[in-house]
PDB file of N, CA and C in Angstrom:
ATOM      1  N   MET A   1     -40.764  33.240 -19.642  1.00  0.00           N
ATOM      2  CA  MET A   1     -40.897  34.208 -19.347  1.00  0.00           C
ATOM      3  C   MET A   1     -42.174  34.264 -20.766  1.00  0.00           C
ATOM      4  N   ALA A   2     -43.419  34.267 -19.980  1.00  0.00           N
ATOM      5  CA  ALA A   2     -44.395  34.736 -20.915  1.00  0.00           C
ATOM      6  C   ALA A   2     -44.499  36.105 -21.288  1.00  0.00           C
ATOM      7  N   SER A   3     -44.807  35.985 -22.627  1.00  0.00           N
ATOM      8  CA  SER A   3     -45.528  37.417 -23.250  1.00  0.00           C
ATOM      9  C   SER A   3     -46.028  38.543 -22.531  1.00  0.00           C
ATOM     10  N   GLY A   4     -47.361  37.869 -21.705  1.00  0.00           N
ATOM     11  CA  GLY A   4     -48.252  38.569 -21.239  1.00  0.00           C
ATOM     12  C   GLY A   4     -47.425  39.129 -19.684  1.00  0.00           C
ATOM     13  N   ASP A   5     -46.584  38.461 -19.155  1.00  0.00           N
ATOM     14  CA  ASP A   5     -46.111  39.120 -17.708  1.00  0.00           C
ATOM     15  C   ASP A   5     -45.605  40.597 -17.852  1.00  0.00           C
ATOM     16  N   LYS A   6     -45.433  41.229 -16.986  1.00  0.00           N
ATOM     17  CA  LYS A   6     -44.986  42.729 -16.618  1.00  0.00           C
ATOM     18  C   LYS A   6     -43.083  42.213 -16.690  1.00  0.00           C
ATOM     19  N   HIS A   7     -42.473  42.932 -17.559  1.00  0.00           N
ATOM     20  CA  HIS A   7     -41.017  42.608 -17.862  1.00  0.00           C
ATOM     21  C   HIS A   7     -40.212  43.839 -17.460  1.00  0.00           C
ATOM     22  N   ALA A   8     -39.027  43.973 -17.183  1.00  0.00           N
ATOM     23  CA  ALA A   8     -37.941  44.669 -17.100  1.00  0.00           C
ATOM     24  C   ALA A   8     -36.524  44.258 -17.749  1.00  0.00           C
ATOM     25  N   ARG A   9     -36.338  45.499 -17.930  1.00  0.00           N
ATOM     26  CA  ARG A   9     -34.711  45.480 -18.137  1.00  0.00           C
ATOM     27  C   ARG A   9     -33.777  45.991 -17.787  1.00  0.00           C
ATOM     28  N   LEU A  10     -32.706  45.205 -16.788  1.00  0.00           N
ATOM     29  CA  LEU A  10     -31.811  45.878 -15.754  1.00  0.00           C
ATOM     30  C   LEU A  10     -30.534  46.045 -16.565  1.00  0.00           C
ATOM     31  N   ARG A  11     -29.694  47.359 -16.439  1.00  0.00           N
ATOM     32  CA  ARG A  11     -28.497  47.309 -16.966  1.00  0.00           C
ATOM     33  C   ARG A  11     -27.377  47.948 -15.898  1.00  0.00           C
ATOM     34  N   ILE A  12     -26.509  47.373 -16.097  1.00  0.00           N
ATOM     35  CA  ILE A  12     -25.721  47.446 -15.265  1.00  0.00           C
ATOM     36  C   ILE A  12     -24.182  47.785 -15.828  1.00  0.00           C
ATOM     37  N   TYR A  13     -23.791  49.087 -15.547  1.00  0.00           N
ATOM     38  CA  TYR A  13     -22.756  49.390 -15.978  1.00  0.00           C
ATOM     39  C   TYR A  13     -21.217  49.445 -15.149  1.00  0.00           C
ATOM     40  N   LEU A  14     -20.157  49.032 -15.465  1.00  0.00           N
ATOM     41  CA  LEU A  14     -19.009  48.972 -14.733  1.00  0.00           C
ATOM     42  C   LEU A  14     -18.016  48.897 -15.539  1.00  0.00           C
ATOM     43  N   GLY A  15     -16.625  49.365 -14.974  1.00  0.00           N
ATOM     44  CA  GLY A  15     -15.521  48.581 -15.813  1.00  0.00           C
ATOM     45  C   GLY A  15     -15.116  47.442 -15.795  1.00  0.00           C
ATOM     46  N   GLU A  16     -14.613  47.299 -17.308  1.00  0.00           N
ATOM     47  CA  GLU A  16     -14.115  45.900 -17.683  1.00  0.00           C
ATOM     48  C   GLU A  16     -13.026  45.283 -16.452  1.00  0.00           C
ATOM     49  N   ASP A  17     -12.025  46.012 -16.079  1.00  0.00           N
ATOM     50  CA  ASP A  17     -11.086  46.457 -14.871  1.00  0.00           C
ATOM     51  C   ASP A  17     -11.605  45.591 -13.485  1.00  0.00           C
ATOM     52  N   LYS A  18     -13.140  45.850 -13.290  1.00  0.00           N
ATOM     53  CA  LYS A  18     -13.266  45.816 -11.948  1.00  0.00           C
ATOM     54  C   LYS A  18     -13.233  44.190 -11.628  1.00  0.00           C
ATOM     55  N   ARG A  19     -13.111  43.374 -10.543  1.00  0.00           N
ATOM     56  CA  ARG A  19     -13.048  42.605 -10.079  1.00  0.00           C
ATOM     57  C   ARG A  19     -13.662  42.023  -8.932  1.00  0.00           C
ATOM     58  N   HIS A  20     -13.950  40.478  -8.811  1.00  0.00           N
ATOM     59  CA  HIS A  20     -14.943  40.003  -7.783  1.00  0.00           C
ATOM     60  C   HIS A  20     -13.697  39.074  -7.006  1.00  0.00           C
ATOM     61  N   GLY A  21     -13.081  38.683  -6.544  1.00  0.00           N
ATOM     62  CA  GLY A  21     -12.240  37.855  -5.910  1.00  0.00           C
ATOM     63  C   GLY A  21     -11.379  37.552  -7.159  1.00  0.00           C
ATOM     64  N   ASP A  22     -11.296  36.252  -7.870  1.00  0.00           N
ATOM     65  CA  ASP A  22      -9.981  36.184  -9.006  1.00  0.00           C
ATOM     66  C   ASP A  22     -10.844  35.981 -10.387  1.00  0.00           C
ATOM     67  N   GLN A  23     -11.916  36.642 -10.325  1.00  0.00           N
ATOM     68  CA  GLN A  23     -12.678  36.835 -11.819  1.00  0.00           C
ATOM     69  C   GLN A  23     -12.708  37.934 -11.784  1.00  0.00           C
ATOM     70  N   PRO A  24     -13.581  38.868 -12.976  1.00  0.00           N
ATOM     71  CA  PRO A  24     -13.854  39.666 -13.579  1.00  0.00           C
ATOM     72  C   PRO A  24     -15.375  39.865 -12.788  1.00  0.00           C
ATOM     73  N   LEU A  25     -15.612  40.895 -12.374  1.00  0.00           N
ATOM     74  CA  LEU A  25     -16.947  41.602 -11.626  1.00  0.00           C
ATOM     75  C   LEU A  25     -18.127  41.240 -12.570  1.00  0.00           C
ATOM     76  N   TYR A  26     -17.846  41.462 -13.787  1.00  0.00           N
ATOM     77  CA  TYR A  26     -19.139  41.275 -14.629  1.00  0.00           C
ATOM     78  C   TYR A  26     -19.395  39.712 -15.009  1.00  0.00           C
ATOM     79  N   LEU A  27     -18.467  38.594 -15.100  1.00  0.00           N
ATOM     80  CA  LEU A  27     -18.338  37.422 -15.223  1.00  0.00           C
ATOM     81  C   LEU A  27     -19.643  36.747 -13.614  1.00  0.00           C
ATOM     82  N   ALA A  28     -18.568  37.640 -12.718  1.00  0.00           N
ATOM     83  CA  ALA A  28     -19.506  36.937 -11.308  1.00  0.00           C
ATOM     84  C   ALA A  28     -20.687  37.350 -11.863  1.00  0.00           C
ATOM     85  N   ILE A  29     -21.300  38.381 -11.843  1.00  0.00           N
ATOM     86  CA  ILE A  29     -22.586  38.802 -12.303  1.00  0.00           C
ATOM     87  C   ILE A  29     -23.602  37.854 -13.345  1.00  0.00           C
ATOM     88  N   LEU A  30     -22.976  37.868 -13.921  1.00  0.00           N
ATOM     89  CA  LEU A  30     -23.468  36.843 -15.293  1.00  0.00           C
ATOM     90  C   LEU A  30     -23.717  35.544 -14.761  1.00  0.00           C
ATOM     91  N   ARG A  31     -22.616  35.002 -13.681  1.00  0.00           N
ATOM     92  CA  ARG A  31     -22.629  33.597 -13.309  1.00  0.00           C
ATOM     93  C   ARG A  31     -23.909  33.643 -11.987  1.00  0.00           C
ATOM     94  N   LYS A  32     -24.167  34.508 -11.220  1.00  0.00           N
ATOM     95  CA  LYS A  32     -25.188  34.917 -10.488  1.00  0.00           C
ATOM     96  C   LYS A  32     -26.474  34.882 -11.144  1.00  0.00           C
ATOM     97  N   ALA A  33     -26.923  35.447 -12.131  1.00  0.00           N
ATOM     98  CA  ALA A  33     -28.090  35.722 -12.931  1.00  0.00           C
ATOM     99  C   ALA A  33     -28.248  34.024 -13.335  1.00  0.00           C
ATOM    100  N   ARG A  34     -27.135  33.494 -14.144  1.00  0.00           N
ATOM    101  CA  ARG A  34     -27.569  32.176 -14.437  1.00  0.00           C
ATOM    102  C   ARG A  34     -27.854  31.099 -13.036  1.00  0.00           C
ATOM    103  N   GLN A  35     -27.217  31.694 -11.933  1.00  0.00           N
ATOM    104  CA  GLN A  35     -27.480  30.324 -10.991  1.00  0.00           C
ATOM    105  C   GLN A  35     -28.677  30.815 -10.735  1.00  0.00           C
ATOM    106  N   LEU A  36     -29.250  32.001 -10.670  1.00  0.00           N
ATOM    107  CA  LEU A  36     -30.769  32.470 -10.077  1.00  0.00           C
ATOM    108  C   LEU A  36     -31.642  32.133 -10.699  1.00  0.00           C
ATOM    109  N   GLN A  37     -31.188  31.509 -12.523  1.00  0.00           N
ATOM    110  CA  GLN A  37     -32.437  31.292 -13.343  1.00  0.00           C
ATOM    111  C   GLN A  37     -32.854  32.328 -14.134  1.00  0.00           C
ATOM    112  N   MET A  38     -32.423  33.697 -14.104  1.00  0.00           N
ATOM    113  CA  MET A  38     -32.850  34.933 -14.734  1.00  0.00           C
ATOM    114  C   MET A  38     -32.985  34.238 -16.465  1.00  0.00           C
ATOM    115  N   ALA A  39     -34.207  34.926 -16.793  1.00  0.00           N
ATOM    116  CA  ALA A  39     -34.385  34.599 -18.065  1.00  0.00           C
ATOM    117  C   ALA A  39     -33.314  34.666 -19.259  1.00  0.00           C
ATOM    118  N   GLY A  40     -32.620  35.673 -18.992  1.00  0.00           N
ATOM    119  CA  GLY A  40     -31.214  36.108 -20.104  1.00  0.00           C
ATOM    120  C   GLY A  40     -30.589  36.943 -19.313  1.00  0.00           C
ATOM    121  N   ALA A  41     -29.235  37.038 -20.047  1.00  0.00           N
ATOM    122  CA  ALA A  41     -28.255  38.070 -19.497  1.00  0.00           C
ATOM    123  C   ALA A  41     -26.961  38.355 -20.798  1.00  0.00           C
ATOM    124  N   THR A  42     -26.917  39.610 -21.025  1.00  0.00           N
ATOM    125  CA  THR A  42     -26.003  39.388 -22.113  1.00  0.00           C
ATOM    126  C   THR A  42     -25.010  40.643 -21.552  1.00  0.00           C
ATOM    127  N   VAL A  43     -23.468  40.489 -21.869  1.00  0.00           N
ATOM    128  CA  VAL A  43     -22.712  41.455 -21.422  1.00  0.00           C
ATOM    129  C   VAL A  43     -22.056  42.010 -22.985  1.00  0.00           C
ATOM    130  N   LEU A  44     -22.347  43.652 -22.593  1.00  0.00           N
ATOM    131  CA  LEU A  44     -21.801  44.270 -23.822  1.00  0.00           C
ATOM    132  C   LEU A  44     -20.450  44.830 -23.573  1.00  0.00           C
ATOM    133  N   ARG A  45     -19.594  44.541 -24.278  1.00  0.00           N
ATOM    134  CA  ARG A  45     -18.445  45.377 -24.029  1.00  0.00           C
ATOM    135  C   ARG A  45     -18.286  47.296 -24.990  1.00  0.00           C
ATOM    136  N   GLY A  46     -18.123  47.875 -24.409  1.00  0.00           N
ATOM    137  CA  GLY A  46     -18.269  49.326 -24.969  1.00  0.00           C
ATOM    138  C   GLY A  46     -16.591  49.761 -25.672  1.00  0.00           C
ATOM    139  N   SER A  47     -16.621  50.435 -26.575  1.00  0.00           N
ATOM    140  CA  SER A  47     -15.209  50.804 -27.094  1.00  0.00           C
ATOM    141  C   SER A  47     -15.226  52.314 -26.553  1.00  0.00           C
ATOM    142  N   GLN A  48     -16.191  52.824 -25.891  1.00  0.00           N
ATOM    143  CA  GLN A  48     -15.609  53.849 -25.224  1.00  0.00           C
ATOM    144  C   GLN A  48     -16.437  54.720 -24.117  1.00  0.00           C
ATOM    145  N   GLY A  49     -16.196  54.983 -23.380  1.00  0.00           N
ATOM    146  CA  GLY A  49     -17.055  55.877 -22.538  1.00  0.00           C
ATOM    147  C   GLY A  49     -16.350  56.574 -21.011  1.00  0.00           C
ATOM    148  N   TYR A  50     -17.393  57.084 -20.345  1.00  0.00           N
ATOM    149  CA  TYR A  50     -16.871  57.623 -19.339  1.00  0.00           C
ATOM    150  C   TYR A  50     -18.023  57.845 -18.528  1.00  0.00           C
ATOM    151  N   GLY A  51     -17.739  57.665 -16.930  1.00  0.00           N
ATOM    152  CA  GLY A  51     -18.730  58.060 -15.559  1.00  0.00           C
ATOM    153  C   GLY A  51     -18.290  59.743 -15.073  1.00  0.00           C
ATOM    154  N   ARG A  52     -18.709  59.245 -13.847  1.00  0.00           N
ATOM    155  CA  ARG A  52     -18.944  60.541 -13.170  1.00  0.00           C
ATOM    156  C   ARG A  52     -17.384  61.390 -12.877  1.00  0.00           C
ATOM    157  N   SER A  53     -16.424  60.412 -13.349  1.00  0.00           N
ATOM    158  CA  SER A  53     -15.022  61.416 -13.065  1.00  0.00           C
ATOM    159  C   SER A  53     -14.646  62.211 -14.432  1.00  0.00           C
ATOM    160  N   THR A  54     -15.702  61.873 -15.393  1.00  0.00           N
ATOM    161  CA  THR A  54     -15.416  62.192 -17.079  1.00  0.00           C
ATOM    162  C   THR A  54     -13.996  61.746 -17.742  1.00  0.00           C
ATOM    163  N   ARG A  55     -13.036  60.907 -16.722  1.00  0.00           N
ATOM    164  CA  ARG A  55     -12.213  60.456 -17.264  1.00  0.00           C
ATOM    165  C   ARG A  55     -12.587  59.555 -18.870  1.00  0.00           C
ATOM    166  N   LEU A  56     -12.056  59.668 -20.170  1.00  0.00           N
ATOM    167  CA  LEU A  56     -12.501  58.791 -21.191  1.00  0.00           C
ATOM    168  C   LEU A  56     -11.667  57.282 -21.231  1.00  0.00           C
ATOM    169  N   HIS A  57     -12.524  56.377 -21.079  1.00  0.00           N
ATOM    170  CA  HIS A  57     -12.445  54.874 -21.231  1.00  0.00           C
ATOM    171  C   HIS A  57     -12.346  54.603 -22.470  1.00  0.00           C
ATOM    172  N   THR A  58     -11.155  54.271 -23.446  1.00  0.00           N
ATOM    173  CA  THR A  58     -11.255  54.078 -25.047  1.00  0.00           C
ATOM    174  C   THR A  58     -10.660  53.031 -25.364  1.00  0.00           C
ATOM    175  N   THR A  59     -10.812  52.353 -26.197  1.00  0.00           N
ATOM    176  CA  THR A  59      -9.720  51.357 -26.834  1.00  0.00           C
ATOM    177  C   THR A  59      -8.740  52.471 -27.681  1.00  0.00           C
ATOM    178  N   ASP A  60      -8.749  53.482 -27.994  1.00  0.00           N
ATOM    179  CA  ASP A  60      -7.814  54.235 -28.303  1.00  0.00           C
ATOM    180  C   ASP A  60      -6.363  54.149 -28.048  1.00  0.00           C
ATOM    181  N   VAL A  61      -6.639  54.313 -26.796  1.00  0.00           N
ATOM    182  CA  VAL A  61      -5.393  53.976 -25.792  1.00  0.00           C
ATOM    183  C   VAL A  61      -4.522  52.398 -25.558  1.00  0.00           C
ATOM    184  N   VAL A  62      -3.597  52.041 -25.810  1.00  0.00           N
ATOM    185  CA  VAL A  62      -3.091  50.995 -26.162  1.00  0.00           C
ATOM    186  C   VAL A  62      -3.084  50.260 -24.714  1.00  0.00           C
ATOM    187  N   PHE A  63      -3.592  49.259 -24.702  1.00  0.00           N
ATOM    188  CA  PHE A  63      -3.779  48.263 -23.469  1.00  0.00           C
ATOM    189  C   PHE A  63      -4.448  48.780 -22.394  1.00  0.00           C
ATOM    190  N   SER A  64      -5.632  49.530 -22.972  1.00  0.00           N
ATOM    191  CA  SER A  64      -6.575  50.174 -21.997  1.00  0.00           C
ATOM    192  C   SER A  64      -7.184  48.775 -21.089  1.00  0.00           C
ATOM    193  N   GLU A  65      -7.377  48.901 -19.906  1.00  0.00           N
ATOM    194  CA  GLU A  65      -7.738  47.920 -19.221  1.00  0.00           C
ATOM    195  C   GLU A  65      -9.274  48.267 -18.543  1.00  0.00           C
ATOM    196  N   ASP A  66      -9.667  49.520 -18.593  1.00  0.00           N
ATOM    197  CA  ASP A  66     -10.825  49.981 -18.068  1.00  0.00           C
ATOM    198  C   ASP A  66     -11.721  50.083 -18.818  1.00  0.00           C
ATOM    199  N   LEU A  67     -12.294  49.418 -20.221  1.00  0.00           N
ATOM    200  CA  LEU A  67     -13.439  49.637 -20.824  1.00  0.00           C
ATOM    201  C   LEU A  67     -14.750  49.776 -20.337  1.00  0.00           C
ATOM    202  N   PRO A  68     -15.722  50.261 -20.882  1.00  0.00           N
ATOM    203  CA  PRO A  68     -16.802  50.023 -20.095  1.00  0.00           C
ATOM    204  C   PRO A  68     -17.714  48.841 -20.697  1.00  0.00           C
ATOM    205  N   VAL A  69     -18.203  48.240 -19.375  1.00  0.00           N
ATOM    206  CA  VAL A  69     -19.026  47.244 -20.084  1.00  0.00           C
ATOM    207  C   VAL A  69     -20.565  47.215 -19.194  1.00  0.00           C
ATOM    208  N   ILE A  70     -21.542  46.629 -20.068  1.00  0.00           N
ATOM    209  CA  ILE A  70     -23.112  46.937 -19.645  1.00  0.00           C
ATOM    210  C   ILE A  70     -23.365  45.353 -19.938  1.00  0.00           C
ATOM    211  N   ILE A  71     -23.941  45.263 -18.330  1.00  0.00           N
ATOM    212  CA  ILE A  71     -24.454  43.750 -18.309  1.00  0.00           C
ATOM    213  C   ILE A  71     -26.110  43.733 -18.619  1.00  0.00           C
ATOM    214  N   GLU A  72     -26.805  43.502 -19.541  1.00  0.00           N
ATOM    215  CA  GLU A  72     -28.266  43.568 -19.495  1.00  0.00           C
ATOM    216  C   GLU A  72     -28.836  42.330 -19.215  1.00  0.00           C
ATOM    217  N   ILE A  73     -30.069  42.282 -18.379  1.00  0.00           N
ATOM    218  CA  ILE A  73     -30.884  41.255 -17.955  1.00  0.00           C
ATOM    219  C   ILE A  73     -32.239  41.399 -18.221  1.00  0.00           C
ATOM    220  N   VAL A  74     -32.909  40.473 -18.968  1.00  0.00           N
ATOM    221  CA  VAL A  74     -34.386  40.666 -18.907  1.00  0.00           C
ATOM    222  C   VAL A  74     -34.970  39.738 -18.365  1.00  0.00           C
ATOM    223  N   ASP A  75     -36.055  39.825 -17.556  1.00  0.00           N
ATOM    224  CA  ASP A  75     -36.902  39.387 -17.151  1.00  0.00           C
ATOM    225  C   ASP A  75     -38.025  39.332 -16.064  1.00  0.00           C
ATOM    226  N   ARG A  76     -38.842  38.969 -15.674  1.00  0.00           N
ATOM    227  CA  ARG A  76     -40.164  39.533 -14.852  1.00  0.00           C
ATOM    228  C   ARG A  76     -39.752  40.598 -14.134  1.00  0.00           C
ATOM    229  N   ARG A  77     -40.378  41.503 -14.030  1.00  0.00           N
ATOM    230  CA  ARG A  77     -40.208  42.783 -13.394  1.00  0.00           C
ATOM    231  C   ARG A  77     -39.896  42.514 -11.880  1.00  0.00           C
ATOM    232  N   ASP A  78     -40.479  41.401 -11.364  1.00  0.00           N
ATOM    233  CA  ASP A  78     -40.281  41.149  -9.779  1.00  0.00           C
ATOM    234  C   ASP A  78     -38.601  40.712  -9.885  1.00  0.00           C
ATOM    235  N   SER A  79     -38.750  39.872 -10.697  1.00  0.00           N
ATOM    236  CA  SER A  79     -37.579  38.631 -10.489  1.00  0.00           C
ATOM    237  C   SER A  79     -36.102  39.795 -10.957  1.00  0.00           C
ATOM    238  N   VAL A  80     -35.847  40.486 -11.640  1.00  0.00           N
ATOM    239  CA  VAL A  80     -35.114  42.115 -11.998  1.00  0.00           C
ATOM    240  C   VAL A  80     -35.312  42.728 -10.835  1.00  0.00           C
ATOM    241  N   ARG A  81     -35.824  42.991 -10.200  1.00  0.00           N
ATOM    242  CA  ARG A  81     -35.833  43.924  -8.862  1.00  0.00           C
ATOM    243  C   ARG A  81     -35.224  43.415  -7.617  1.00  0.00           C
ATOM    244  N   ARG A  82     -35.459  41.914  -7.749  1.00  0.00           N
ATOM    245  CA  ARG A  82     -34.748  41.018  -6.524  1.00  0.00           C
ATOM    246  C   ARG A  82     -33.488  41.376  -7.063  1.00  0.00           C
ATOM    247  N   PHE A  83     -33.069  41.040  -8.019  1.00  0.00           N
ATOM    248  CA  PHE A  83     -31.499  40.673  -8.781  1.00  0.00           C
ATOM    249  C   PHE A  83     -30.608  41.877  -8.474  1.00  0.00           C
ATOM    250  N   ALA A  84     -31.471  43.057  -8.497  1.00  0.00           N
ATOM    251  CA  ALA A  84     -30.593  44.438  -8.409  1.00  0.00           C
ATOM    252  C   ALA A  84     -30.591  44.733  -7.135  1.00  0.00           C
ATOM    253  N   ALA A  85     -31.502  44.071  -6.057  1.00  0.00           N
ATOM    254  CA  ALA A  85     -30.993  44.273  -4.791  1.00  0.00           C
ATOM    255  C   ALA A  85     -29.883  43.863  -4.405  1.00  0.00           C
ATOM    256  N   LEU A  86     -29.208  42.810  -4.899  1.00  0.00           N
ATOM    257  CA  LEU A  86     -28.253  41.688  -4.394  1.00  0.00           C
ATOM    258  C   LEU A  86     -26.869  42.685  -4.713  1.00  0.00           C
ATOM    259  N   LEU A  87     -27.487  43.619  -5.743  1.00  0.00           N
ATOM    260  CA  LEU A  87     -26.270  44.709  -6.387  1.00  0.00           C
ATOM    261  C   LEU A  87     -25.568  46.063  -5.191  1.00  0.00           C
ATOM    262  N   GLU A  88     -26.839  45.699  -4.666  1.00  0.00           N
ATOM    263  CA  GLU A  88     -26.830  47.589  -3.814  1.00  0.00           C
ATOM    264  C   GLU A  88     -25.182  47.631  -3.169  1.00  0.00           C
ATOM    265  N   ASP A  89     -24.519  46.666  -2.706  1.00  0.00           N
ATOM    266  CA  ASP A  89     -23.332  47.134  -1.846  1.00  0.00           C
ATOM    267  C   ASP A  89     -21.782  46.664  -2.808  1.00  0.00           C
ATOM    268  N   ILE A  90     -22.406  46.692  -3.811  1.00  0.00           N
ATOM    269  CA  ILE A  90     -21.231  46.561  -4.724  1.00  0.00           C
ATOM    270  C   ILE A  90     -20.533  47.554  -5.243  1.00  0.00           C
ATOM    271  N   LYS A  91     -19.799  48.299  -4.637  1.00  0.00           N
ATOM    272  CA  LYS A  91     -19.366  49.728  -4.639  1.00  0.00           C
ATOM    273  C   LYS A  91     -18.368  49.784  -6.355  1.00  0.00           C
ATOM    274  N   GLU A  92     -18.173  48.959  -7.029  1.00  0.00           N
ATOM    275  CA  GLU A  92     -17.277  49.073  -8.159  1.00  0.00           C
ATOM    276  C   GLU A  92     -18.575  49.242  -9.284  1.00  0.00           C
ATOM    277  N   ILE A  93     -19.739  48.919  -9.040  1.00  0.00           N
ATOM    278  CA  ILE A  93     -20.495  49.385  -9.990  1.00  0.00           C
ATOM    279  C   ILE A  93     -21.165  50.738  -9.879  1.00  0.00           C
ATOM    280  N   GLY A  94     -20.925  51.046 -11.495  1.00  0.00           N
ATOM    281  CA  GLY A  94     -21.073  52.658 -11.451  1.00  0.00           C
ATOM    282  C   GLY A  94     -22.471  53.167 -11.667  1.00  0.00           C
ATOM    283  N   LEU A  95     -23.222  52.278 -12.206  1.00  0.00           N
ATOM    284  CA  LEU A  95     -24.648  52.613 -12.578  1.00  0.00           C
ATOM    285  C   LEU A  95     -25.801  51.543 -12.764  1.00  0.00           C
ATOM    286  N   VAL A  96     -26.641  51.547 -12.027  1.00  0.00           N
ATOM    287  CA  VAL A  96     -27.669  50.339 -12.555  1.00  0.00           C
ATOM    288  C   VAL A  96     -28.832  51.289 -13.068  1.00  0.00           C
ATOM    289  N   THR A  97     -29.469  50.691 -13.574  1.00  0.00           N
ATOM    290  CA  THR A  97     -30.745  51.627 -14.336  1.00  0.00           C
ATOM    291  C   THR A  97     -31.850  49.804 -14.512  1.00  0.00           C
ATOM    292  N   CYS A  98     -33.405  50.517 -14.661  1.00  0.00           N
ATOM    293  CA  CYS A  98     -34.169  49.276 -14.768  1.00  0.00           C
ATOM    294  C   CYS A  98     -35.240  50.125 -15.370  1.00  0.00           C
ATOM    295  N   ASP A  99     -35.448  49.495 -16.607  1.00  0.00           N
ATOM    296  CA  ASP A  99     -36.906  49.859 -17.289  1.00  0.00           C
ATOM    297  C   ASP A  99     -37.882  48.938 -17.610  1.00  0.00           C
ATOM    298  N   ASP A 100     -39.027  49.606 -17.661  1.00  0.00           N
ATOM    299  CA  ASP A 100     -39.784  48.133 -18.259  1.00  0.00           C
ATOM    300  C   ASP A 100     -39.649  47.901 -19.482  1.00  0.00           C
ATOM    301  N   VAL A 101     -39.945  46.963 -20.045  1.00  0.00           N
ATOM    302  CA  VAL A 101     -39.965  46.228 -21.363  1.00  0.00           C
ATOM    303  C   VAL A 101     -41.287  45.704 -21.836  1.00  0.00           C
ATOM    304  N   ASP A 102     -41.676  45.451 -23.238  1.00  0.00           N
ATOM    305  CA  ASP A 102     -42.547  44.798 -23.488  1.00  0.00           C
ATOM    306  C   ASP A 102     -41.499  43.750 -24.145  1.00  0.00           C
ATOM    307  N   VAL A 103     -41.983  42.336 -24.313  1.00  0.00           N
ATOM    308  CA  VAL A 103     -41.294  41.209 -24.528  1.00  0.00           C
ATOM    309  C   VAL A 103     -42.293  40.988 -25.956  1.00  0.00           C
ATOM    310  N   LEU A 104     -41.487  41.217 -26.722  1.00  0.00           N
ATOM    311  CA  LEU A 104     -42.518  40.711 -28.415  1.00  0.00           C
ATOM    312  C   LEU A 104     -42.469  39.455 -28.795  1.00  0.00           C
ATOM    313  N   ILE A 105     -41.369  39.007 -28.698  1.00  0.00           N
ATOM    314  CA  ILE A 105     -41.089  38.095 -29.223  1.00  0.00           C
ATOM    315  C   ILE A 105     -40.056  36.815 -28.205  1.00  0.00           C
ATOM    316  N   ASN A 106     -40.482  35.958 -28.171  1.00  0.00           N
ATOM    317  CA  ASN A 106     -39.758  35.045 -26.940  1.00  0.00           C
ATOM    318  C   ASN A 106     -39.886  33.579 -27.403  1.00  0.00           C
ATOM    319  N   ARG A 107     -38.774  33.051 -28.187  1.00  0.00           N
ATOM    320  CA  ARG A 107     -38.419  31.938 -28.613  1.00  0.00           C
ATOM    321  C   ARG A 107     -37.818  31.068 -27.635  1.00  0.00           C
ATOM    322  N   SER A 108     -37.242  31.380 -26.527  1.00  0.00           N
ATOM    323  CA  SER A 108     -36.607  30.620 -25.614  1.00  0.00           C
ATOM    324  C   SER A 108     -36.874  29.221 -25.066  1.00  0.00           C
ATOM    325  N   ASP A 109     -38.262  29.092 -25.546  1.00  0.00           N
ATOM    326  CA  ASP A 109     -38.944  27.701 -25.010  1.00  0.00           C
ATOM    327  C   ASP A 109     -38.692  26.914 -26.308  1.00  0.00           C
ATOM    328  N   SER A 110     -38.366  27.205 -27.595  1.00  0.00           N
ATOM    329  CA  SER A 110     -38.634  26.432 -28.857  1.00  0.00           C
ATOM    330  C   SER A 110     -37.004  25.978 -29.050  1.00  0.00           C
ATOM    331  N   ALA A 111     -35.660  26.257 -28.322  1.00  0.00           N
ATOM    332  CA  ALA A 111     -34.607  25.781 -28.768  1.00  0.00           C
ATOM    333  C   ALA A 111     -33.853  24.429 -28.035  1.00  0.00           C
TER     334      ALA A 111
END
């Protein structure tokens, strides 16, 4: 991922309880990104959130199983757009956003 290329950040919003077969959906998405050699992805778990239903999902409720999860993927803009197209038919995803980003430091080649 060269710093001079056009890059984008994909954000995928879903509930922690959403499944893809026998595994959590967020994990299936992360594994697919890795399989397709996306530059990098991170899963962020939220402590509170709500979506279109305005029902609050929170850690304040004991045994809450539907906490918000955001998957962030940063890569070249064209790669991000191709990956986003793979998500279109997954109804359990609440929201997908994409914004251009400037990669200022990338030390992935130095490790």
